[in-house]
């Protein structure tokens, strides 16, 4: 997991406005996948993006798990990823 600086020319992702109506809340997974598809299109239009970096279906599934309270954070995995990123940064500076 690498964390890069955002491109200065990158356009911000715009989150669709949420409606308080019952029909909007009853949209369920269809709305989530539609939102994920919109975000996917925005991400793919960013400079330097590649098609293999973003999985809209996975994002929709994670979003639904968070809403349902099923998503669990694995702090060890996050810490390992951050440590790997730091090691990569330090190694790249040594090799420069």
PDB file of N, CA and C in Angstrom:
ATOM      1  N   UNK A   1       0.852  -1.162   0.000  1.00  0.00           N
ATOM      2  CA  UNK A   1       0.000   0.000   0.000  1.00  0.00           C
ATOM      3  C   UNK A   1       0.899   1.227   0.000  1.00  0.00           C
ATOM      4  N   UNK A   2       0.820   2.003  -1.060  1.00  0.00           N
ATOM      5  CA  UNK A   2       1.624   3.207  -1.153  1.00  0.00           C
ATOM      6  C   UNK A   2       0.711   4.413  -1.124  1.00  0.00           C
ATOM      7  N   UNK A   3       1.183   5.441  -0.483  1.00  0.00           N
ATOM      8  CA  UNK A   3       0.423   6.674  -0.398  1.00  0.00           C
ATOM      9  C   UNK A   3       1.180   7.727  -1.178  1.00  0.00           C
ATOM     10  N   UNK A   4       0.579   8.197  -2.257  1.00  0.00           N
ATOM     11  CA  UNK A   4       1.206   9.205  -3.092  1.00  0.00           C
ATOM     12  C   UNK A   4       0.568  10.554  -2.825  1.00  0.00           C
ATOM     13  N   UNK A   5       1.321  11.597  -3.117  1.00  0.00           N
ATOM     14  CA  UNK A   5       0.772  12.937  -3.022  1.00  0.00           C
ATOM     15  C   UNK A   5      -0.269  13.103  -4.124  1.00  0.00           C
ATOM     16  N   UNK A   6      -1.400  13.771  -3.829  1.00  0.00           N
ATOM     17  CA  UNK A   6      -2.404  13.974  -4.878  1.00  0.00           C
ATOM     18  C   UNK A   6      -1.875  14.914  -5.955  1.00  0.00           C
ATOM     19  N   UNK A   7      -2.270  14.647  -7.166  1.00  0.00           N
ATOM     20  CA  UNK A   7      -1.871  15.501  -8.274  1.00  0.00           C
ATOM     21  C   UNK A   7      -2.533  16.855  -8.114  1.00  0.00           C
ATOM     22  N   UNK A   8      -1.786  17.929  -8.349  1.00  0.00           N
ATOM     23  CA  UNK A   8      -2.343  19.265  -8.182  1.00  0.00           C
ATOM     24  C   UNK A   8      -3.448  19.536  -9.189  1.00  0.00           C
ATOM     25  N   UNK A   9      -3.431  18.852 -10.326  1.00  0.00           N
ATOM     26  CA  UNK A   9      -4.444  19.070 -11.345  1.00  0.00           C
ATOM     27  C   UNK A   9      -5.637  18.131 -11.186  1.00  0.00           C
ATOM     28  N   UNK A  10      -5.609  17.302 -10.153  1.00  0.00           N
ATOM     29  CA  UNK A  10      -6.682  16.331  -9.966  1.00  0.00           C
ATOM     30  C   UNK A  10      -7.988  17.039  -9.620  1.00  0.00           C
ATOM     31  N   UNK A  11      -9.051  16.569 -10.208  1.00  0.00           N
ATOM     32  CA  UNK A  11     -10.358  17.126  -9.891  1.00  0.00           C
ATOM     33  C   UNK A  11     -10.920  16.398  -8.688  1.00  0.00           C
ATOM     34  N   UNK A  12     -11.574  17.118  -7.773  1.00  0.00           N
ATOM     35  CA  UNK A  12     -12.103  16.455  -6.580  1.00  0.00           C
ATOM     36  C   UNK A  12     -13.266  15.546  -6.937  1.00  0.00           C
ATOM     37  N   UNK A  13     -13.398  14.468  -6.185  1.00  0.00           N
ATOM     38  CA  UNK A  13     -14.529  13.573  -6.372  1.00  0.00           C
ATOM     39  C   UNK A  13     -15.753  14.225  -5.757  1.00  0.00           C
ATOM     40  N   UNK A  14     -16.829  14.240  -6.483  1.00  0.00           N
ATOM     41  CA  UNK A  14     -18.049  14.875  -6.008  1.00  0.00           C
ATOM     42  C   UNK A  14     -19.020  13.791  -5.582  1.00  0.00           C
ATOM     43  N   UNK A  15     -19.424  13.852  -4.338  1.00  0.00           N
ATOM     44  CA  UNK A  15     -20.349  12.876  -3.791  1.00  0.00           C
ATOM     45  C   UNK A  15     -21.765  13.299  -4.148  1.00  0.00           C
ATOM     46  N   UNK A  16     -22.588  12.381  -4.682  1.00  0.00           N
ATOM     47  CA  UNK A  16     -23.952  12.745  -5.042  1.00  0.00           C
ATOM     48  C   UNK A  16     -24.740  13.181  -3.817  1.00  0.00           C
ATOM     49  N   UNK A  17     -25.620  14.160  -3.992  1.00  0.00           N
ATOM     50  CA  UNK A  17     -26.444  14.657  -2.891  1.00  0.00           C
ATOM     51  C   UNK A  17     -27.418  13.574  -2.460  1.00  0.00           C
ATOM     52  N   UNK A  18     -27.590  13.459  -1.158  1.00  0.00           N
ATOM     53  CA  UNK A  18     -28.519  12.469  -0.625  1.00  0.00           C
ATOM     54  C   UNK A  18     -29.869  13.124  -0.431  1.00  0.00           C
ATOM     55  N   UNK A  19     -30.895  12.412  -0.785  1.00  0.00           N
ATOM     56  CA  UNK A  19     -32.255  12.901  -0.624  1.00  0.00           C
ATOM     57  C   UNK A  19     -32.863  12.261   0.602  1.00  0.00           C
ATOM     58  N   UNK A  20     -33.702  12.969   1.303  1.00  0.00           N
ATOM     59  CA  UNK A  20     -34.336  12.453   2.500  1.00  0.00           C
ATOM     60  C   UNK A  20     -35.571  11.638   2.202  1.00  0.00           C
ATOM     61  N   UNK A  21     -35.924  11.473   0.948  1.00  0.00           N
ATOM     62  CA  UNK A  21     -37.151  10.759   0.613  1.00  0.00           C
ATOM     63  C   UNK A  21     -37.011   9.266   0.836  1.00  0.00           C
ATOM     64  N   UNK A  22     -38.150   8.615   1.031  1.00  0.00           N
ATOM     65  CA  UNK A  22     -38.153   7.174   1.263  1.00  0.00           C
ATOM     66  C   UNK A  22     -37.705   6.420   0.028  1.00  0.00           C
ATOM     67  N   UNK A  23     -38.003   6.964  -1.162  1.00  0.00           N
ATOM     68  CA  UNK A  23     -37.598   6.260  -2.371  1.00  0.00           C
ATOM     69  C   UNK A  23     -36.089   6.237  -2.523  1.00  0.00           C
ATOM     70  N   UNK A  24     -35.419   7.295  -2.056  1.00  0.00           N
ATOM     71  CA  UNK A  24     -33.954   7.324  -2.129  1.00  0.00           C
ATOM     72  C   UNK A  24     -33.354   6.330  -1.154  1.00  0.00           C
ATOM     73  N   UNK A  25     -33.949   6.212   0.047  1.00  0.00           N
ATOM     74  CA  UNK A  25     -33.385   5.278   1.015  1.00  0.00           C
ATOM     75  C   UNK A  25     -33.732   3.840   0.686  1.00  0.00           C
ATOM     76  N   UNK A  26     -34.797   3.620  -0.081  1.00  0.00           N
ATOM     77  CA  UNK A  26     -35.153   2.253  -0.434  1.00  0.00           C
ATOM     78  C   UNK A  26     -34.438   1.773  -1.681  1.00  0.00           C
ATOM     79  N   UNK A  27     -33.604   2.632  -2.266  1.00  0.00           N
ATOM     80  CA  UNK A  27     -32.875   2.241  -3.471  1.00  0.00           C
ATOM     81  C   UNK A  27     -31.909   1.107  -3.178  1.00  0.00           C
ATOM     82  N   UNK A  28     -31.364   1.065  -1.954  1.00  0.00           N
ATOM     83  CA  UNK A  28     -30.520  -0.045  -1.528  1.00  0.00           C
ATOM     84  C   UNK A  28     -29.271  -0.203  -2.347  1.00  0.00           C
ATOM     85  N   UNK A  29     -28.947  -1.454  -2.692  1.00  0.00           N
ATOM     86  CA  UNK A  29     -27.713  -1.782  -3.392  1.00  0.00           C
ATOM     87  C   UNK A  29     -27.676  -1.177  -4.779  1.00  0.00           C
ATOM     88  N   UNK A  30     -28.824  -1.002  -5.419  1.00  0.00           N
ATOM     89  CA  UNK A  30     -28.836  -0.417  -6.763  1.00  0.00           C
ATOM     90  C   UNK A  30     -28.251   0.975  -6.727  1.00  0.00           C
ATOM     91  N   UNK A  31     -28.661   1.780  -5.734  1.00  0.00           N
ATOM     92  CA  UNK A  31     -28.115   3.122  -5.596  1.00  0.00           C
ATOM     93  C   UNK A  31     -26.635   3.092  -5.282  1.00  0.00           C
ATOM     94  N   UNK A  32     -26.216   2.149  -4.437  1.00  0.00           N
ATOM     95  CA  UNK A  32     -24.808   2.053  -4.073  1.00  0.00           C
ATOM     96  C   UNK A  32     -23.947   1.718  -5.273  1.00  0.00           C
ATOM     97  N   UNK A  33     -24.401   0.771  -6.088  1.00  0.00           N
ATOM     98  CA  UNK A  33     -23.597   0.402  -7.249  1.00  0.00           C
ATOM     99  C   UNK A  33     -23.601   1.516  -8.279  1.00  0.00           C
ATOM    100  N   UNK A  34     -24.711   2.269  -8.366  1.00  0.00           N
ATOM    101  CA  UNK A  34     -24.758   3.401  -9.288  1.00  0.00           C
ATOM    102  C   UNK A  34     -23.782   4.484  -8.825  1.00  0.00           C
ATOM    103  N   UNK A  35     -23.766   4.769  -7.500  1.00  0.00           N
ATOM    104  CA  UNK A  35     -22.819   5.737  -6.956  1.00  0.00           C
ATOM    105  C   UNK A  35     -21.390   5.276  -7.202  1.00  0.00           C
ATOM    106  N   UNK A  36     -21.135   3.991  -6.970  1.00  0.00           N
ATOM    107  CA  UNK A  36     -19.792   3.455  -7.171  1.00  0.00           C
ATOM    108  C   UNK A  36     -19.379   3.564  -8.631  1.00  0.00           C
ATOM    109  N   UNK A  37     -20.313   3.373  -9.545  1.00  0.00           N
ATOM    110  CA  UNK A  37     -19.992   3.502 -10.968  1.00  0.00           C
ATOM    111  C   UNK A  37     -19.639   4.944 -11.313  1.00  0.00           C
ATOM    112  N   UNK A  38     -20.349   5.898 -10.710  1.00  0.00           N
ATOM    113  CA  UNK A  38     -20.031   7.306 -10.944  1.00  0.00           C
ATOM    114  C   UNK A  38     -18.645   7.641 -10.406  1.00  0.00           C
ATOM    115  N   UNK A  39     -18.356   7.165  -9.201  1.00  0.00           N
ATOM    116  CA  UNK A  39     -17.042   7.416  -8.609  1.00  0.00           C
ATOM    117  C   UNK A  39     -15.963   6.746  -9.447  1.00  0.00           C
ATOM    118  N   UNK A  40     -16.241   5.534  -9.934  1.00  0.00           N
ATOM    119  CA  UNK A  40     -15.284   4.826 -10.775  1.00  0.00           C
ATOM    120  C   UNK A  40     -14.950   5.639 -12.015  1.00  0.00           C
ATOM    121  N   UNK A  41     -15.972   6.206 -12.637  1.00  0.00           N
ATOM    122  CA  UNK A  41     -15.738   7.014 -13.833  1.00  0.00           C
ATOM    123  C   UNK A  41     -14.881   8.225 -13.497  1.00  0.00           C
ATOM    124  N   UNK A  42     -15.131   8.847 -12.339  1.00  0.00           N
ATOM    125  CA  UNK A  42     -14.333  10.003 -11.939  1.00  0.00           C
ATOM    126  C   UNK A  42     -12.889   9.607 -11.665  1.00  0.00           C
ATOM    127  N   UNK A  43     -12.698   8.478 -10.988  1.00  0.00           N
ATOM    128  CA  UNK A  43     -11.345   8.028 -10.666  1.00  0.00           C
ATOM    129  C   UNK A  43     -10.575   7.702 -11.938  1.00  0.00           C
ATOM    130  N   UNK A  44     -11.231   7.023 -12.878  1.00  0.00           N
ATOM    131  CA  UNK A  44     -10.554   6.647 -14.115  1.00  0.00           C
ATOM    132  C   UNK A  44     -10.221   7.857 -14.977  1.00  0.00           C
ATOM    133  N   UNK A  45     -10.900   8.977 -14.764  1.00  0.00           N
ATOM    134  CA  UNK A  45     -10.606  10.168 -15.547  1.00  0.00           C
ATOM    135  C   UNK A  45      -9.473  10.995 -14.947  1.00  0.00           C
ATOM    136  N   UNK A  46      -9.005  10.621 -13.748  1.00  0.00           N
ATOM    137  CA  UNK A  46      -7.911  11.355 -13.118  1.00  0.00           C
ATOM    138  C   UNK A  46      -6.608  11.103 -13.864  1.00  0.00           C
ATOM    139  N   UNK A  47      -5.722  12.111 -13.868  1.00  0.00           N
ATOM    140  CA  UNK A  47      -4.432  11.916 -14.534  1.00  0.00           C
ATOM    141  C   UNK A  47      -3.642  10.788 -13.868  1.00  0.00           C
ATOM    142  N   UNK A  48      -3.087   9.932 -14.669  1.00  0.00           N
ATOM    143  CA  UNK A  48      -2.234   8.858 -14.160  1.00  0.00           C
ATOM    144  C   UNK A  48      -2.974   7.657 -13.614  1.00  0.00           C
ATOM    145  N   UNK A  49      -4.297   7.622 -13.737  1.00  0.00           N
ATOM    146  CA  UNK A  49      -5.019   6.467 -13.207  1.00  0.00           C
ATOM    147  C   UNK A  49      -4.940   5.316 -14.202  1.00  0.00           C
ATOM    148  N   UNK A  50      -4.983   4.110 -13.662  1.00  0.00           N
ATOM    149  CA  UNK A  50      -4.974   2.924 -14.505  1.00  0.00           C
ATOM    150  C   UNK A  50      -6.244   2.137 -14.237  1.00  0.00           C
ATOM    151  N   UNK A  51      -6.658   1.342 -15.171  1.00  0.00           N
ATOM    152  CA  UNK A  51      -7.939   0.639 -15.055  1.00  0.00           C
ATOM    153  C   UNK A  51      -7.939  -0.427 -13.960  1.00  0.00           C
ATOM    154  N   UNK A  52      -6.802  -0.948 -13.538  1.00  0.00           N
ATOM    155  CA  UNK A  52      -6.764  -2.013 -12.550  1.00  0.00           C
ATOM    156  C   UNK A  52      -6.728  -1.535 -11.115  1.00  0.00           C
ATOM    157  N   UNK A  53      -6.720  -0.230 -10.869  1.00  0.00           N
ATOM    158  CA  UNK A  53      -6.567   0.285  -9.516  1.00  0.00           C
ATOM    159  C   UNK A  53      -7.873   0.467  -8.755  1.00  0.00           C
ATOM    160  N   UNK A  54      -9.011   0.393  -9.408  1.00  0.00           N
ATOM    161  CA  UNK A  54     -10.272   0.706  -8.752  1.00  0.00           C
ATOM    162  C   UNK A  54     -11.332  -0.325  -9.124  1.00  0.00           C
ATOM    163  N   UNK A  55     -11.966  -0.888  -8.125  1.00  0.00           N
ATOM    164  CA  UNK A  55     -13.000  -1.887  -8.338  1.00  0.00           C
ATOM    165  C   UNK A  55     -14.301  -1.347  -7.754  1.00  0.00           C
ATOM    166  N   UNK A  56     -15.172  -0.818  -8.614  1.00  0.00           N
ATOM    167  CA  UNK A  56     -16.405  -0.183  -8.174  1.00  0.00           C
ATOM    168  C   UNK A  56     -17.296  -1.156  -7.410  1.00  0.00           C
ATOM    169  N   UNK A  57     -17.345  -2.405  -7.825  1.00  0.00           N
ATOM    170  CA  UNK A  57     -18.179  -3.391  -7.132  1.00  0.00           C
ATOM    171  C   UNK A  57     -17.665  -3.633  -5.719  1.00  0.00           C
ATOM    172  N   UNK A  58     -16.347  -3.676  -5.562  1.00  0.00           N
ATOM    173  CA  UNK A  58     -15.762  -3.875  -4.232  1.00  0.00           C
ATOM    174  C   UNK A  58     -16.057  -2.689  -3.327  1.00  0.00           C
ATOM    175  N   UNK A  59     -15.968  -1.486  -3.884  1.00  0.00           N
ATOM    176  CA  UNK A  59     -16.275  -0.281  -3.113  1.00  0.00           C
ATOM    177  C   UNK A  59     -17.731  -0.309  -2.662  1.00  0.00           C
ATOM    178  N   UNK A  60     -18.635  -0.690  -3.561  1.00  0.00           N
ATOM    179  CA  UNK A  60     -20.061  -0.767  -3.211  1.00  0.00           C
ATOM    180  C   UNK A  60     -20.292  -1.810  -2.114  1.00  0.00           C
ATOM    181  N   UNK A  61     -19.599  -2.946  -2.200  1.00  0.00           N
ATOM    182  CA  UNK A  61     -19.748  -3.997  -1.190  1.00  0.00           C
ATOM    183  C   UNK A  61     -19.234  -3.524   0.169  1.00  0.00           C
ATOM    184  N   UNK A  62     -18.101  -2.847   0.177  1.00  0.00           N
ATOM    185  CA  UNK A  62     -17.544  -2.330   1.435  1.00  0.00           C
ATOM    186  C   UNK A  62     -18.464  -1.270   2.014  1.00  0.00           C
ATOM    187  N   UNK A  63     -18.967  -0.384   1.156  1.00  0.00           N
ATOM    188  CA  UNK A  63     -19.897   0.658   1.614  1.00  0.00           C
ATOM    189  C   UNK A  63     -21.124   0.016   2.273  1.00  0.00           C
ATOM    190  N   UNK A  64     -21.663  -1.018   1.656  1.00  0.00           N
ATOM    191  CA  UNK A  64     -22.833  -1.694   2.218  1.00  0.00           C
ATOM    192  C   UNK A  64     -22.493  -2.368   3.545  1.00  0.00           C
ATOM    193  N   UNK A  65     -21.303  -2.981   3.640  1.00  0.00           N
ATOM    194  CA  UNK A  65     -20.880  -3.607   4.898  1.00  0.00           C
ATOM    195  C   UNK A  65     -20.749  -2.565   6.005  1.00  0.00           C
ATOM    196  N   UNK A  66     -20.235  -1.388   5.680  1.00  0.00           N
ATOM    197  CA  UNK A  66     -20.115  -0.323   6.679  1.00  0.00           C
ATOM    198  C   UNK A  66     -21.501   0.101   7.150  1.00  0.00           C
ATOM    199  N   UNK A  67     -22.416   0.318   6.204  1.00  0.00           N
ATOM    200  CA  UNK A  67     -23.783   0.720   6.563  1.00  0.00           C
ATOM    201  C   UNK A  67     -24.468  -0.319   7.445  1.00  0.00           C
ATOM    202  N   UNK A  68     -24.216  -1.601   7.161  1.00  0.00           N
ATOM    203  CA  UNK A  68     -24.863  -2.681   7.918  1.00  0.00           C
ATOM    204  C   UNK A  68     -24.122  -3.022   9.207  1.00  0.00           C
ATOM    205  N   UNK A  69     -22.958  -2.393   9.444  1.00  0.00           N
ATOM    206  CA  UNK A  69     -22.199  -2.667  10.663  1.00  0.00           C
ATOM    207  C   UNK A  69     -21.396  -3.943  10.614  1.00  0.00           C
ATOM    208  N   UNK A  70     -21.164  -4.476   9.412  1.00  0.00           N
ATOM    209  CA  UNK A  70     -20.405  -5.734   9.269  1.00  0.00           C
ATOM    210  C   UNK A  70     -18.933  -5.517   8.964  1.00  0.00           C
ATOM    211  N   UNK A  71     -18.533  -4.299   8.627  1.00  0.00           N
ATOM    212  CA  UNK A  71     -17.151  -4.044   8.216  1.00  0.00           C
ATOM    213  C   UNK A  71     -16.251  -4.012   9.444  1.00  0.00           C
ATOM    214  N   UNK A  72     -15.186  -4.777   9.390  1.00  0.00           N
ATOM    215  CA  UNK A  72     -14.239  -4.819  10.500  1.00  0.00           C
ATOM    216  C   UNK A  72     -12.885  -4.307  10.032  1.00  0.00           C
ATOM    217  N   UNK A  73     -12.317  -3.423  10.824  1.00  0.00           N
ATOM    218  CA  UNK A  73     -11.002  -2.866  10.517  1.00  0.00           C
ATOM    219  C   UNK A  73      -9.949  -3.786  11.110  1.00  0.00           C
ATOM    220  N   UNK A  74      -8.912  -4.076  10.328  1.00  0.00           N
ATOM    221  CA  UNK A  74      -7.808  -4.907  10.784  1.00  0.00           C
ATOM    222  C   UNK A  74      -6.605  -3.998  11.008  1.00  0.00           C
ATOM    223  N   UNK A  75      -6.394  -3.520  12.243  1.00  0.00           N
ATOM    224  CA  UNK A  75      -5.319  -2.564  12.494  1.00  0.00           C
ATOM    225  C   UNK A  75      -3.925  -3.112  12.186  1.00  0.00           C
ATOM    226  N   UNK A  76      -3.740  -4.403  12.368  1.00  0.00           N
ATOM    227  CA  UNK A  76      -2.425  -4.990  12.071  1.00  0.00           C
ATOM    228  C   UNK A  76      -2.114  -4.892  10.582  1.00  0.00           C
ATOM    229  N   UNK A  77      -3.115  -5.139   9.750  1.00  0.00           N
ATOM    230  CA  UNK A  77      -2.919  -5.057   8.302  1.00  0.00           C
ATOM    231  C   UNK A  77      -2.618  -3.616   7.882  1.00  0.00           C
ATOM    232  N   UNK A  78      -3.330  -2.666   8.481  1.00  0.00           N
ATOM    233  CA  UNK A  78      -3.089  -1.257   8.179  1.00  0.00           C
ATOM    234  C   UNK A  78      -1.670  -0.866   8.589  1.00  0.00           C
ATOM    235  N   UNK A  79      -1.270  -1.272   9.786  1.00  0.00           N
ATOM    236  CA  UNK A  79       0.073  -0.944  10.275  1.00  0.00           C
ATOM    237  C   UNK A  79       1.140  -1.572   9.386  1.00  0.00           C
ATOM    238  N   UNK A  80       0.933  -2.818   8.985  1.00  0.00           N
ATOM    239  CA  UNK A  80       1.899  -3.476   8.104  1.00  0.00           C
ATOM    240  C   UNK A  80       2.016  -2.737   6.771  1.00  0.00           C
ATOM    241  N   UNK A  81       0.875  -2.316   6.218  1.00  0.00           N
ATOM    242  CA  UNK A  81       0.899  -1.570   4.961  1.00  0.00           C
ATOM    243  C   UNK A  81       1.617  -0.240   5.088  1.00  0.00           C
ATOM    244  N   UNK A  82       1.380   0.453   6.194  1.00  0.00           N
ATOM    245  CA  UNK A  82       2.069   1.730   6.414  1.00  0.00           C
ATOM    246  C   UNK A  82       3.573   1.521   6.576  1.00  0.00           C
ATOM    247  N   UNK A  83       3.947   0.485   7.305  1.00  0.00           N
ATOM    248  CA  UNK A  83       5.380   0.197   7.480  1.00  0.00           C
ATOM    249  C   UNK A  83       6.028  -0.159   6.141  1.00  0.00           C
ATOM    250  N   UNK A  84       5.344  -0.923   5.311  1.00  0.00           N
ATOM    251  CA  UNK A  84       5.863  -1.245   3.983  1.00  0.00           C
ATOM    252  C   UNK A  84       6.061   0.017   3.147  1.00  0.00           C
ATOM    253  N   UNK A  85       5.105   0.945   3.249  1.00  0.00           N
ATOM    254  CA  UNK A  85       5.215   2.209   2.505  1.00  0.00           C
ATOM    255  C   UNK A  85       6.413   3.015   2.973  1.00  0.00           C
ATOM    256  N   UNK A  86       6.617   3.070   4.271  1.00  0.00           N
ATOM    257  CA  UNK A  86       7.759   3.814   4.824  1.00  0.00           C
ATOM    258  C   UNK A  86       9.062   3.173   4.375  1.00  0.00           C
ATOM    259  N   UNK A  87       9.129   1.845   4.425  1.00  0.00           N
ATOM    260  CA  UNK A  87      10.347   1.150   3.975  1.00  0.00           C
ATOM    261  C   UNK A  87      10.625   1.435   2.500  1.00  0.00           C
ATOM    262  N   UNK A  88       9.572   1.413   1.670  1.00  0.00           N
ATOM    263  CA  UNK A  88       9.734   1.715   0.246  1.00  0.00           C
ATOM    264  C   UNK A  88      10.250   3.137   0.041  1.00  0.00           C
ATOM    265  N   UNK A  89       9.699   4.085   0.797  1.00  0.00           N
ATOM    266  CA  UNK A  89      10.152   5.473   0.684  1.00  0.00           C
ATOM    267  C   UNK A  89      11.615   5.612   1.089  1.00  0.00           C
ATOM    268  N   UNK A  90      11.974   4.971   2.194  1.00  0.00           N
ATOM    269  CA  UNK A  90      13.362   5.054   2.665  1.00  0.00           C
ATOM    270  C   UNK A  90      14.317   4.383   1.678  1.00  0.00           C
ATOM    271  N   UNK A  91      13.911   3.232   1.146  1.00  0.00           N
ATOM    272  CA  UNK A  91      14.756   2.543   0.160  1.00  0.00           C
ATOM    273  C   UNK A  91      14.924   3.370  -1.106  1.00  0.00           C
ATOM    274  N   UNK A  92      13.858   4.030  -1.544  1.00  0.00           N
ATOM    275  CA  UNK A  92      13.951   4.838  -2.768  1.00  0.00           C
ATOM    276  C   UNK A  92      14.856   6.051  -2.557  1.00  0.00           C
ATOM    277  N   UNK A  93      14.881   6.578  -1.367  1.00  0.00           N
ATOM    278  CA  UNK A  93      15.777   7.716  -1.079  1.00  0.00           C
ATOM    279  C   UNK A  93      17.228   7.261  -1.017  1.00  0.00           C
ATOM    280  N   UNK A  94      17.460   6.056  -0.498  1.00  0.00           N
ATOM    281  CA  UNK A  94      18.817   5.528  -0.450  1.00  0.00           C
ATOM    282  C   UNK A  94      19.356   5.277  -1.849  1.00  0.00           C
ATOM    283  N   UNK A  95      18.489   4.796  -2.739  1.00  0.00           N
ATOM    284  CA  UNK A  95      18.903   4.450  -4.091  1.00  0.00           C
ATOM    285  C   UNK A  95      18.975   5.651  -5.025  1.00  0.00           C
ATOM    286  N   UNK A  96      18.512   6.800  -4.587  1.00  0.00           N
ATOM    287  CA  UNK A  96      18.521   7.991  -5.450  1.00  0.00           C
ATOM    288  C   UNK A  96      19.845   8.670  -5.466  1.00  0.00           C
TER     289      UNK A  96
END
